[in-house]
Amino acid sequence: MHYWSSNNPRELHERPLHSDKVTVWCVLSRVAVIGPYFFEEDNHAVIVNLQQYVDMIKNFFEPALEEMHLGNVWFQEDGATAHTARASVTLLRAKFSGWLISLRGDIPWAAHSPDLTPYLSFCNFYLWGNLKGEVYKNNTSTSEALQYEITCVISSITMDKLQKVSDNLFMQCKACLQAEGGHFQHLF
């Protein structure tokens, strides 16, 4: 069998199996966005461990929060191992005494509630879905470009959008309370 082509079929084309990735953290509230924060070592994305998470809280999140002068704030996070480890929970409880919603926080996180889980966290409900849709429109090919796109999309979130997301969140919680924790019609 003969193969005729303008290119050599035995030529090796190397390309990465997977596109570049980033590990990003961000906080949304009714009044502000803190972040993004990119977890990296030697300019490569990492899976977040306890020490990296605690360092980020101390060196990035707490100073940014202090600059905002918000007073008492509720803080919610999911059940990721770095979030629920004794050291991080202790640190967060000191900062958000009585106001920490987490697997091991002051207020238990509703981890298995199909009606609340996606809505209690602004990040799960709004940020990550919206962010992916906007960021991947431009088909970035490097982690630097991906970080740039993420930063641009996050910085474009308006106060009006934050307030609308917050209002919808409270409507969901109110509907859940009225249904006494039972299933209710989603309002979105």
C-alpha atoms as a PDB file:
ATOM      1  CA  MET A   1       0.000   0.000   0.000  1.00  0.00           C
ATOM      2  CA  HIS A   2       1.272   3.455  -0.844  1.00  0.00           C
ATOM      3  CA  TYR A   3       0.416   6.613   1.042  1.00  0.00           C
ATOM      4  CA  TRP A   4       0.744   9.874  -0.864  1.00  0.00           C
ATOM      5  CA  SER A   5       0.787  13.059   1.147  1.00  0.00           C
ATOM      6  CA  SER A   6       2.441  16.439   1.149  1.00  0.00           C
ATOM      7  CA  ASN A   7       3.503  15.718   4.747  1.00  0.00           C
ATOM      8  CA  ASN A   8       5.726  12.928   5.986  1.00  0.00           C
ATOM      9  CA  PRO A   9       3.380  10.449   7.760  1.00  0.00           C
ATOM     10  CA  ARG A  10       6.234   9.318   9.992  1.00  0.00           C
ATOM     11  CA  GLU A  11       6.901  12.817  11.239  1.00  0.00           C
ATOM     12  CA  LEU A  12       6.337  13.032  14.986  1.00  0.00           C
ATOM     13  CA  HIS A  13       3.994  15.763  16.196  1.00  0.00           C
ATOM     14  CA  GLU A  14       4.364  16.251  19.909  1.00  0.00           C
ATOM     15  CA  ARG A  15       1.772  18.145  21.870  1.00  0.00           C
ATOM     16  CA  PRO A  16       0.575  17.959  25.450  1.00  0.00           C
ATOM     17  CA  LEU A  17      -2.056  15.367  26.231  1.00  0.00           C
ATOM     18  CA  HIS A  18      -4.008  17.878  28.312  1.00  0.00           C
ATOM     19  CA  SER A  19      -4.240  21.657  28.094  1.00  0.00           C
ATOM     20  CA  ASP A  20      -2.643  23.800  30.785  1.00  0.00           C
ATOM     21  CA  LYS A  21      -4.595  24.022  33.993  1.00  0.00           C
ATOM     22  CA  VAL A  22      -4.703  26.380  36.948  1.00  0.00           C
ATOM     23  CA  THR A  23      -5.837  25.987  40.531  1.00  0.00           C
ATOM     24  CA  VAL A  24      -7.761  29.100  41.468  1.00  0.00           C
ATOM     25  CA  TRP A  25      -9.510  30.321  44.631  1.00  0.00           C
ATOM     26  CA  CYS A  26     -11.915  33.236  44.921  1.00  0.00           C
ATOM     27  CA  VAL A  27     -14.474  34.676  47.344  1.00  0.00           C
ATOM     28  CA  LEU A  28     -17.743  36.281  46.323  1.00  0.00           C
ATOM     29  CA  SER A  29     -20.050  38.240  48.555  1.00  0.00           C
ATOM     30  CA  ARG A  30     -22.912  40.650  48.112  1.00  0.00           C
ATOM     31  CA  VAL A  31     -20.505  43.573  48.232  1.00  0.00           C
ATOM     32  CA  ALA A  32     -17.175  42.413  46.855  1.00  0.00           C
ATOM     33  CA  VAL A  33     -14.976  39.863  45.169  1.00  0.00           C
ATOM     34  CA  ILE A  34     -11.673  38.807  46.692  1.00  0.00           C
ATOM     35  CA  GLY A  35      -9.353  37.105  44.284  1.00  0.00           C
ATOM     36  CA  PRO A  36      -8.500  35.359  42.184  1.00  0.00           C
ATOM     37  CA  TYR A  37      -5.661  33.593  43.936  1.00  0.00           C
ATOM     38  CA  PHE A  38      -3.700  31.025  41.926  1.00  0.00           C
ATOM     39  CA  PHE A  39      -2.074  28.100  43.730  1.00  0.00           C
ATOM     40  CA  GLU A  40       1.268  27.353  42.083  1.00  0.00           C
ATOM     41  CA  GLU A  41       4.720  25.965  42.672  1.00  0.00           C
ATOM     42  CA  ASP A  42       7.472  26.710  40.165  1.00  0.00           C
ATOM     43  CA  ASN A  43       4.869  28.287  37.838  1.00  0.00           C
ATOM     44  CA  HIS A  44       2.796  25.092  37.698  1.00  0.00           C
ATOM     45  CA  ALA A  45      -0.675  24.541  39.116  1.00  0.00           C
ATOM     46  CA  VAL A  46      -0.817  22.337  42.197  1.00  0.00           C
ATOM     47  CA  ILE A  47      -3.454  20.427  44.074  1.00  0.00           C
ATOM     48  CA  VAL A  48      -3.967  22.473  47.215  1.00  0.00           C
ATOM     49  CA  ASN A  49      -2.608  21.014  50.424  1.00  0.00           C
ATOM     50  CA  LEU A  50      -3.240  22.196  53.972  1.00  0.00           C
ATOM     51  CA  GLN A  51      -0.108  24.349  54.266  1.00  0.00           C
ATOM     52  CA  GLN A  52      -0.753  26.127  50.962  1.00  0.00           C
ATOM     53  CA  TYR A  53      -4.364  26.801  51.963  1.00  0.00           C
ATOM     54  CA  VAL A  54      -3.423  28.146  55.405  1.00  0.00           C
ATOM     55  CA  ASP A  55      -0.691  30.326  53.875  1.00  0.00           C
ATOM     56  CA  MET A  56      -3.176  31.735  51.348  1.00  0.00           C
ATOM     57  CA  ILE A  57      -5.670  32.554  54.111  1.00  0.00           C
ATOM     58  CA  LYS A  58      -3.032  34.292  56.219  1.00  0.00           C
ATOM     59  CA  ASN A  59      -1.141  36.106  53.465  1.00  0.00           C
ATOM     60  CA  PHE A  60      -3.819  36.858  50.886  1.00  0.00           C
ATOM     61  CA  PHE A  61      -7.378  36.465  52.153  1.00  0.00           C
ATOM     62  CA  GLU A  62      -7.136  37.982  55.646  1.00  0.00           C
ATOM     63  CA  PRO A  63      -5.300  41.150  54.485  1.00  0.00           C
ATOM     64  CA  ALA A  64      -7.787  41.638  51.621  1.00  0.00           C
ATOM     65  CA  LEU A  65     -10.719  41.168  53.988  1.00  0.00           C
ATOM     66  CA  GLU A  66      -9.241  43.601  56.538  1.00  0.00           C
ATOM     67  CA  GLU A  67      -8.913  46.282  53.841  1.00  0.00           C
ATOM     68  CA  MET A  68     -12.645  46.045  53.205  1.00  0.00           C
ATOM     69  CA  HIS A  69     -13.720  46.829  56.811  1.00  0.00           C
ATOM     70  CA  LEU A  70     -16.863  44.672  56.589  1.00  0.00           C
ATOM     71  CA  GLY A  71     -17.247  43.721  60.248  1.00  0.00           C
ATOM     72  CA  ASN A  72     -18.845  40.330  60.922  1.00  0.00           C
ATOM     73  CA  VAL A  73     -19.000  38.191  57.809  1.00  0.00           C
ATOM     74  CA  TRP A  74     -20.299  34.692  57.180  1.00  0.00           C
ATOM     75  CA  PHE A  75     -17.710  32.467  55.563  1.00  0.00           C
ATOM     76  CA  GLN A  76     -18.654  29.243  53.807  1.00  0.00           C
ATOM     77  CA  GLU A  77     -16.513  26.611  52.174  1.00  0.00           C
ATOM     78  CA  ASP A  78     -16.971  23.073  50.975  1.00  0.00           C
ATOM     79  CA  GLY A  79     -15.676  19.833  52.431  1.00  0.00           C
ATOM     80  CA  ALA A  80     -12.295  19.713  50.679  1.00  0.00           C
ATOM     81  CA  THR A  81      -9.624  18.166  52.887  1.00  0.00           C
ATOM     82  CA  ALA A  82      -7.540  21.356  53.113  1.00  0.00           C
ATOM     83  CA  HIS A  83     -10.680  23.294  54.116  1.00  0.00           C
ATOM     84  CA  THR A  84     -11.715  20.905  56.880  1.00  0.00           C
ATOM     85  CA  ALA A  85      -8.330  20.058  58.418  1.00  0.00           C
ATOM     86  CA  ARG A  86      -7.911  21.034  62.058  1.00  0.00           C
ATOM     87  CA  ALA A  87      -5.348  23.778  61.310  1.00  0.00           C
ATOM     88  CA  SER A  88      -7.468  25.562  58.706  1.00  0.00           C
ATOM     89  CA  VAL A  89     -10.707  25.246  60.688  1.00  0.00           C
ATOM     90  CA  THR A  90      -8.960  26.625  63.789  1.00  0.00           C
ATOM     91  CA  LEU A  91      -7.617  29.568  61.789  1.00  0.00           C
ATOM     92  CA  LEU A  92     -10.998  30.288  60.200  1.00  0.00           C
ATOM     93  CA  ARG A  93     -12.899  29.950  63.488  1.00  0.00           C
ATOM     94  CA  ALA A  94     -10.581  32.551  65.018  1.00  0.00           C
ATOM     95  CA  LYS A  95     -11.376  34.929  62.150  1.00  0.00           C
ATOM     96  CA  PHE A  96     -15.083  34.096  61.736  1.00  0.00           C
ATOM     97  CA  SER A  97     -16.060  33.112  65.280  1.00  0.00           C
ATOM     98  CA  GLY A  98     -19.625  31.836  65.158  1.00  0.00           C
ATOM     99  CA  TRP A  99     -19.882  32.702  61.460  1.00  0.00           C
ATOM    100  CA  LEU A 100     -18.125  29.748  59.795  1.00  0.00           C
ATOM    101  CA  ILE A 101     -20.243  27.460  57.598  1.00  0.00           C
ATOM    102  CA  SER A 102     -18.186  24.341  56.955  1.00  0.00           C
ATOM    103  CA  LEU A 103     -18.128  20.600  57.449  1.00  0.00           C
ATOM    104  CA  ARG A 104     -16.427  21.189  60.810  1.00  0.00           C
ATOM    105  CA  GLY A 105     -17.422  24.816  61.252  1.00  0.00           C
ATOM    106  CA  ASP A 106     -19.774  26.561  63.654  1.00  0.00           C
ATOM    107  CA  ILE A 107     -22.688  25.949  61.310  1.00  0.00           C
ATOM    108  CA  PRO A 108     -22.668  22.570  59.550  1.00  0.00           C
ATOM    109  CA  TRP A 109     -22.405  22.724  55.797  1.00  0.00           C
ATOM    110  CA  ALA A 110     -25.432  21.149  54.107  1.00  0.00           C
ATOM    111  CA  ALA A 111     -23.276  18.732  52.149  1.00  0.00           C
ATOM    112  CA  HIS A 112     -26.043  16.338  51.129  1.00  0.00           C
ATOM    113  CA  SER A 113     -28.866  18.798  50.590  1.00  0.00           C
ATOM    114  CA  PRO A 114     -29.828  18.798  46.902  1.00  0.00           C
ATOM    115  CA  ASP A 115     -31.809  22.007  47.338  1.00  0.00           C
ATOM    116  CA  LEU A 116     -29.177  24.018  49.172  1.00  0.00           C
ATOM    117  CA  THR A 117     -25.707  22.810  48.281  1.00  0.00           C
ATOM    118  CA  PRO A 118     -25.355  24.589  44.931  1.00  0.00           C
ATOM    119  CA  TYR A 119     -27.011  27.741  46.207  1.00  0.00           C
ATOM    120  CA  LEU A 120     -25.392  28.312  49.575  1.00  0.00           C
ATOM    121  CA  SER A 121     -22.084  28.938  47.909  1.00  0.00           C
ATOM    122  CA  PHE A 122     -21.921  31.865  45.519  1.00  0.00           C
ATOM    123  CA  CYS A 123     -18.872  30.242  43.984  1.00  0.00           C
ATOM    124  CA  ASN A 124     -20.650  26.978  43.174  1.00  0.00           C
ATOM    125  CA  PHE A 125     -23.834  28.704  42.104  1.00  0.00           C
ATOM    126  CA  TYR A 126     -22.529  31.608  40.079  1.00  0.00           C
ATOM    127  CA  LEU A 127     -18.802  32.085  39.788  1.00  0.00           C
ATOM    128  CA  TRP A 128     -17.354  28.844  38.452  1.00  0.00           C
ATOM    129  CA  GLY A 129     -20.068  28.106  35.877  1.00  0.00           C
ATOM    130  CA  ASN A 130     -20.061  31.666  34.584  1.00  0.00           C
ATOM    131  CA  LEU A 131     -16.293  31.860  34.707  1.00  0.00           C
ATOM    132  CA  LYS A 132     -15.766  28.700  32.656  1.00  0.00           C
ATOM    133  CA  GLY A 133     -18.228  29.843  30.037  1.00  0.00           C
ATOM    134  CA  GLU A 134     -16.524  33.213  29.624  1.00  0.00           C
ATOM    135  CA  VAL A 135     -12.896  32.123  29.981  1.00  0.00           C
ATOM    136  CA  TYR A 136     -13.031  29.277  27.496  1.00  0.00           C
ATOM    137  CA  LYS A 137     -14.544  31.458  24.758  1.00  0.00           C
ATOM    138  CA  ASN A 138     -11.012  32.515  23.829  1.00  0.00           C
ATOM    139  CA  ASN A 139      -9.424  29.035  23.657  1.00  0.00           C
ATOM    140  CA  THR A 140      -6.387  29.873  25.767  1.00  0.00           C
ATOM    141  CA  SER A 141      -3.369  27.658  25.252  1.00  0.00           C
ATOM    142  CA  THR A 142      -1.084  28.516  28.184  1.00  0.00           C
ATOM    143  CA  SER A 143      -1.573  28.718  31.926  1.00  0.00           C
ATOM    144  CA  GLU A 144      -0.526  32.385  31.843  1.00  0.00           C
ATOM    145  CA  ALA A 145      -3.227  33.174  29.289  1.00  0.00           C
ATOM    146  CA  LEU A 146      -5.748  31.183  31.312  1.00  0.00           C
ATOM    147  CA  GLN A 147      -4.847  33.125  34.467  1.00  0.00           C
ATOM    148  CA  TYR A 148      -5.179  36.388  32.553  1.00  0.00           C
ATOM    149  CA  GLU A 149      -8.632  35.421  31.229  1.00  0.00           C
ATOM    150  CA  ILE A 150      -9.799  34.325  34.697  1.00  0.00           C
ATOM    151  CA  THR A 151      -8.554  37.569  36.240  1.00  0.00           C
ATOM    152  CA  CYS A 152     -10.315  39.646  33.563  1.00  0.00           C
ATOM    153  CA  VAL A 153     -13.628  37.816  33.935  1.00  0.00           C
ATOM    154  CA  ILE A 154     -13.554  38.010  37.734  1.00  0.00           C
ATOM    155  CA  SER A 155     -12.672  41.715  37.673  1.00  0.00           C
ATOM    156  CA  SER A 156     -15.633  42.347  35.364  1.00  0.00           C
ATOM    157  CA  ILE A 157     -18.200  41.085  37.902  1.00  0.00           C
ATOM    158  CA  THR A 158     -20.339  44.081  38.822  1.00  0.00           C
ATOM    159  CA  MET A 159     -21.902  45.020  42.148  1.00  0.00           C
ATOM    160  CA  ASP A 160     -25.293  44.726  40.479  1.00  0.00           C
ATOM    161  CA  LYS A 161     -24.556  41.118  39.508  1.00  0.00           C
ATOM    162  CA  LEU A 162     -23.326  40.280  43.028  1.00  0.00           C
ATOM    163  CA  GLN A 163     -26.496  41.718  44.535  1.00  0.00           C
ATOM    164  CA  LYS A 164     -28.751  39.804  42.116  1.00  0.00           C
ATOM    165  CA  VAL A 165     -26.967  36.547  42.893  1.00  0.00           C
ATOM    166  CA  SER A 166     -27.260  37.284  46.609  1.00  0.00           C
ATOM    167  CA  ASP A 167     -30.974  38.095  46.325  1.00  0.00           C
ATOM    168  CA  ASN A 168     -31.583  34.802  44.493  1.00  0.00           C
ATOM    169  CA  LEU A 169     -29.637  32.940  47.167  1.00  0.00           C
ATOM    170  CA  PHE A 170     -31.811  34.401  49.925  1.00  0.00           C
ATOM    171  CA  MET A 171     -34.990  33.585  47.979  1.00  0.00           C
ATOM    172  CA  GLN A 172     -33.814  29.963  47.739  1.00  0.00           C
ATOM    173  CA  CYS A 173     -33.113  29.780  51.469  1.00  0.00           C
ATOM    174  CA  LYS A 174     -36.476  31.354  52.285  1.00  0.00           C
ATOM    175  CA  ALA A 175     -38.272  28.880  50.006  1.00  0.00           C
ATOM    176  CA  CYS A 176     -36.454  26.002  51.692  1.00  0.00           C
ATOM    177  CA  LEU A 177     -37.465  27.272  55.128  1.00  0.00           C
ATOM    178  CA  GLN A 178     -41.082  27.671  54.015  1.00  0.00           C
ATOM    179  CA  ALA A 179     -41.050  24.105  52.680  1.00  0.00           C
ATOM    180  CA  GLU A 180     -39.645  23.016  56.082  1.00  0.00           C
ATOM    181  CA  GLY A 181     -36.596  21.590  54.389  1.00  0.00           C
ATOM    182  CA  GLY A 182     -38.578  19.661  51.805  1.00  0.00           C
ATOM    183  CA  HIS A 183     -38.272  19.880  48.051  1.00  0.00           C
ATOM    184  CA  PHE A 184     -39.254  23.182  46.496  1.00  0.00           C
ATOM    185  CA  GLN A 185     -39.393  24.685  43.039  1.00  0.00           C
ATOM    186  CA  HIS A 186     -36.097  26.346  42.084  1.00  0.00           C
ATOM    187  CA  LEU A 187     -36.436  30.058  41.555  1.00  0.00           C
ATOM    188  CA  PHE A 188     -33.732  30.497  38.944  1.00  0.00           C
END
